[in-house]
Protein backbone atom coordinates (compact mmCIF):
# COMPACT_ATOMS: atom_id res chain seq x y z
CA ALA A 1 101.20 82.01 91.07
CA LYS A 2 102.34 81.05 94.57
CA LEU A 3 105.94 81.80 93.60
CA ILE A 4 104.94 85.26 92.36
CA PHE A 5 103.09 86.03 95.60
CA ILE A 6 105.96 84.86 97.82
CA THR A 7 108.50 86.82 95.74
CA SER A 8 106.27 89.91 95.97
CA LEU A 9 106.05 89.50 99.75
CA LEU A 10 109.83 89.35 100.04
CA LEU A 11 110.22 92.27 97.62
CA GLY A 12 107.68 94.47 99.42
CA THR A 13 109.25 93.78 102.81
CA THR A 14 112.77 94.44 101.49
CA ILE A 15 111.72 97.72 99.83
CA THR A 16 110.08 98.99 103.03
CA ILE A 17 112.85 98.05 105.45
CA SER A 18 115.66 99.39 103.27
CA SER A 19 114.07 102.66 102.18
CA ASN A 20 114.96 106.19 103.27
CA HIS A 21 112.21 107.90 101.31
CA TRP A 22 108.57 107.78 102.47
CA ILE A 23 107.22 107.01 98.99
CA MET A 24 109.41 103.89 98.76
CA ALA A 25 108.29 102.73 102.20
CA TRP A 26 104.66 103.20 101.15
CA THR A 27 105.28 101.29 97.88
CA GLY A 28 106.69 98.34 99.81
CA LEU A 29 103.68 98.26 102.14
CA GLU A 30 101.30 98.29 99.16
CA ILE A 31 103.14 95.45 97.38
CA ASN A 32 102.98 93.43 100.61
CA THR A 33 99.23 93.95 101.02
CA LEU A 34 98.48 92.98 97.42
CA ALA A 35 100.68 89.89 97.65
CA ILE A 36 99.01 88.48 100.78
CA LEU A 37 95.40 89.05 99.63
CA PRO A 38 95.23 86.06 97.23
CA MET A 39 96.76 83.87 99.96
CA ILE A 40 93.99 84.79 102.40
CA SER A 41 91.18 84.25 99.88
CA LYS A 42 92.68 81.09 98.38
CA SER A 43 90.20 78.63 99.94
CA HIS A 44 87.21 80.41 98.26
CA HIS A 45 85.23 79.99 101.49
CA PRO A 46 82.89 82.95 102.20
CA ARG A 47 84.74 83.41 105.51
CA ALA A 48 88.06 83.69 103.69
CA ILE A 49 86.70 86.18 101.15
CA GLU A 50 85.31 88.28 104.01
CA ALA A 51 88.69 88.15 105.78
CA ALA A 52 90.50 89.24 102.61
CA THR A 53 88.08 92.16 102.12
CA LYS A 54 88.48 93.31 105.74
CA TYR A 55 92.25 93.02 105.49
CA PHE A 56 92.35 94.97 102.24
CA LEU A 57 90.19 97.84 103.53
CA VAL A 58 92.14 98.25 106.77
CA GLN A 59 95.55 98.07 105.10
CA ALA A 60 94.53 100.44 102.31
CA THR A 61 93.32 102.97 104.89
CA ALA A 62 96.55 102.62 106.89
CA SER A 63 98.70 103.01 103.76
CA ALA A 64 96.77 106.12 102.77
CA LEU A 65 97.39 107.54 106.25
CA VAL A 66 101.12 106.78 105.97
CA LEU A 67 101.22 108.67 102.67
CA PHE A 68 99.13 111.50 104.11
CA SER A 69 101.37 111.93 107.17
CA SER A 70 104.57 111.91 105.12
CA MET A 71 103.09 114.40 102.65
CA THR A 72 102.04 116.71 105.50
CA ASN A 73 105.56 116.47 106.89
CA ALA A 74 107.13 117.18 103.49
CA TRP A 75 104.71 120.10 102.95
CA CYS A 76 105.74 121.74 106.24
CA THR A 77 109.45 120.84 106.47
CA GLY A 78 110.50 119.95 102.91
CA GLN A 79 111.86 116.60 104.13
CA TRP A 80 110.96 113.21 102.59
CA ASP A 81 113.46 111.33 104.77
CA ILE A 82 111.90 108.73 107.09
CA THR A 83 114.09 109.72 110.04
CA GLN A 84 113.25 113.43 109.63
CA LEU A 85 109.60 113.20 110.69
CA THR A 86 109.35 116.34 112.83
CA HIS A 87 105.90 117.83 112.30
CA PRO A 88 103.62 117.01 115.31
CA THR A 89 100.46 116.38 113.20
CA SER A 90 102.42 114.05 110.90
CA CYS A 91 103.73 112.13 113.91
CA LEU A 92 100.19 111.71 115.25
CA ILE A 93 98.79 110.48 111.91
CA LEU A 94 101.75 108.14 111.43
CA THR A 95 101.28 106.62 114.89
CA MET A 96 97.65 105.90 113.95
CA ALA A 97 98.64 104.45 110.58
CA ILE A 98 101.29 102.12 111.99
CA SER A 99 99.07 100.95 114.82
CA MET A 100 96.38 100.17 112.23
CA LYS A 101 98.91 98.19 110.18
CA LEU A 102 100.05 96.25 113.24
CA GLY A 103 96.65 95.79 114.86
CA LEU A 104 97.32 97.68 118.09
CA VAL A 105 94.33 98.59 120.27
CA PRO A 106 92.08 100.63 119.40
CA PHE A 107 92.64 99.51 115.77
CA HIS A 108 92.80 95.79 116.56
CA PHE A 109 89.30 94.59 115.60
CA TRP A 110 90.26 93.41 112.11
CA PHE A 111 93.12 91.14 113.18
CA PRO A 112 91.34 88.23 114.97
CA GLU A 113 88.65 88.20 112.25
CA VAL A 114 91.16 88.08 109.40
CA LEU A 115 93.25 85.40 111.12
CA GLN A 116 90.13 83.31 111.78
CA GLY A 117 89.19 83.47 108.10
CA SER A 118 92.58 82.36 106.74
CA SER A 119 94.50 79.09 106.89
CA LEU A 120 97.16 78.42 109.54
CA ILE A 121 100.09 79.06 107.20
CA THR A 122 98.58 82.34 105.96
CA GLY A 123 97.87 83.19 109.60
CA LEU A 124 101.54 82.61 110.33
CA LEU A 125 102.52 85.02 107.54
CA LEU A 126 100.03 87.60 108.80
CA SER A 127 101.33 87.39 112.38
CA THR A 128 105.04 87.48 111.51
CA ALA A 129 106.11 88.59 108.01
CA MET A 130 103.37 91.22 107.61
CA LYS A 131 104.24 92.81 110.96
CA PHE A 132 107.91 93.26 110.05
CA PRO A 133 107.68 96.33 107.72
CA PRO A 134 105.43 98.39 110.08
CA ILE A 135 107.65 97.49 113.07
CA THR A 136 110.75 98.70 111.17
CA LEU A 137 108.95 101.96 110.29
CA LEU A 138 108.06 102.35 113.96
CA PHE A 139 111.69 101.63 114.85
CA MET A 140 113.00 104.26 112.42
CA THR A 141 110.56 106.99 113.45
CA SER A 142 110.46 106.15 117.19
CA PRO A 143 112.50 109.19 118.38
CA SER A 144 109.97 111.63 116.93
CA LEU A 145 106.73 109.87 117.95
CA ASN A 146 104.66 110.89 120.97
CA PRO A 147 105.77 108.66 123.90
CA ALA A 148 102.58 109.19 125.96
CA LEU A 149 100.35 108.11 123.08
CA LEU A 150 102.51 105.07 122.29
CA THR A 151 102.61 104.02 125.95
CA SER A 152 98.85 104.31 126.43
CA MET A 153 98.16 102.30 123.25
CA ALA A 154 100.70 99.71 124.37
CA ILE A 155 99.13 99.29 127.82
CA LEU A 156 95.67 98.96 126.26
CA SER A 157 96.98 96.37 123.80
CA THR A 158 98.62 94.18 126.44
CA ALA A 159 95.54 94.33 128.66
CA LEU A 160 92.99 93.72 125.91
CA GLY A 161 95.08 91.05 124.20
CA GLY A 162 95.28 89.17 127.47
CA TRP A 163 91.62 89.52 128.43
CA MET A 164 89.98 88.89 125.05
CA GLY A 165 92.03 85.77 124.48
CA LEU A 166 90.56 84.14 127.59
CA ASN A 167 87.07 83.35 126.33
CA GLN A 168 88.04 81.98 122.90
CA THR A 169 87.88 78.39 121.72
CA GLN A 170 89.29 79.03 118.25
CA ILE A 171 93.07 78.52 118.15
CA ARG A 172 93.62 81.18 115.48
CA LYS A 173 91.73 83.82 117.46
CA ILE A 174 93.73 83.02 120.59
CA MET A 175 96.94 83.39 118.56
CA ALA A 176 95.65 86.72 117.19
CA PHE A 177 95.04 88.10 120.69
CA SER A 178 98.44 86.77 121.78
CA SER A 179 99.96 88.71 118.88
CA ILE A 180 98.13 91.91 119.90
CA SER A 181 99.40 91.51 123.46
CA HIS A 182 103.01 90.93 122.33
CA LEU A 183 102.83 93.95 120.03
CA GLY A 184 101.75 95.99 123.04
CA TRP A 185 104.91 94.98 124.87
CA MET A 186 107.06 95.80 121.84
CA THR A 187 105.45 99.23 121.52
CA ILE A 188 106.03 100.07 125.17
CA ILE A 189 109.72 99.10 124.90
CA ILE A 190 110.26 101.12 121.69
CA VAL A 191 109.79 104.36 123.65
CA TYR A 192 112.81 103.54 125.83
CA ASN A 193 115.03 101.17 123.86
CA PRO A 194 114.21 100.60 120.16
CA LYS A 195 116.89 97.90 119.64
CA LEU A 196 115.35 95.81 122.41
CA THR A 197 112.02 95.98 120.56
CA MET A 198 113.58 94.40 117.49
CA LEU A 199 115.06 91.62 119.64
CA ASN A 200 111.64 91.08 121.23
CA PHE A 201 110.10 90.93 117.76
CA TYR A 202 112.60 88.33 116.47
CA LEU A 203 112.00 86.11 119.52
CA TYR A 204 108.23 86.49 119.10
CA VAL A 205 108.49 85.52 115.41
CA LEU A 206 110.54 82.45 116.29
CA MET A 207 108.07 81.18 118.91
CA THR A 208 104.93 82.03 116.95
CA THR A 209 106.31 80.25 113.88
CA THR A 210 106.96 77.14 115.96
CA VAL A 211 103.43 77.21 117.41
CA PHE A 212 101.70 77.77 114.05
CA LEU A 213 103.70 75.06 112.27
CA THR A 214 102.99 72.60 115.10
CA PHE A 215 99.26 73.35 114.93
CA ASN A 216 99.44 72.94 111.16
CA SER A 217 101.10 69.53 111.30
CA MET A 218 98.66 68.38 114.02
CA LYS A 219 95.70 69.79 112.01
CA VAL A 220 94.39 71.63 115.09
CA LEU A 221 91.96 74.55 114.69
CA LYS A 222 89.91 74.42 117.93
CA LEU A 223 90.73 73.92 121.60
CA PRO A 224 88.72 70.65 121.95
CA THR A 225 90.77 69.16 119.06
CA LEU A 226 93.95 70.21 120.84
CA MET A 227 92.85 68.48 124.05
CA THR A 228 92.54 65.12 122.30
CA ALA A 229 95.55 65.63 120.02
CA TRP A 230 98.16 64.27 122.45
CA THR A 231 97.20 60.67 121.64
CA LYS A 232 98.15 61.17 117.99
CA ALA A 233 101.52 62.89 118.49
CA PRO A 234 102.70 62.81 122.12
CA SER A 235 106.23 64.13 121.48
CA LEU A 236 104.99 66.99 119.27
CA ASN A 237 102.44 67.86 121.93
CA ALA A 238 105.12 68.04 124.61
CA ILE A 239 107.21 70.38 122.44
CA LEU A 240 104.09 72.48 121.78
CA LEU A 241 103.50 72.79 125.52
CA LEU A 242 107.05 74.06 126.06
CA THR A 243 106.74 76.50 123.14
CA LEU A 244 103.47 77.89 124.49
CA LEU A 245 105.14 78.38 127.87
CA SER A 246 107.98 80.34 126.27
CA LEU A 247 105.45 82.35 124.24
CA ALA A 248 103.81 83.22 127.55
CA GLY A 249 107.23 84.26 128.82
């Protein structure tokens, strides 16, 4: 079963990032969502089931909005090509849909909750692999999206991600707010230089993966555990410190 889910994740991502047609992009996003759901709810803990339900509802809504915006665009312009998104209403709806998929402010509430309910490895997938298809869609449609709207959402995301992460003791929630903040920076860059956004995203994925895997091998879920963890693995803890510094930039 795990093999099927991982293959589906790879398949969904590949379909979305290599598609020209909106329907194919939407199909890839749907496959991705359905593949990650069993991974979130695997532990059968009520918290995990709740996280999976929240994730499903948000992603289904966002996917429906993606489909709706592309259909509106096709209805008005006759174009199904991803790069030909020219209708203003479609652009607005698509911006909302992608920010929902990514967890940008004001659509960020689901992300910390879902991350808190899933295991560290699933959390890693949610913060990196699941963000890749929406980021590529944003990259492909960036010339036609509203720069003012994107910039305001980005500024809100960086500010809120920074502030809300301060009063958390749960490691996964802190990582979730860190992710929201980083996505804010990526969104603000995409208005001016889309290629730089992709570079930013790859670096973010690299550092976040390191942090999550370190937490996983140290079995750390809360800040107090992290404070006493250096006695068990001093070298790993030193590397973690350096990684967190580079994640902070």
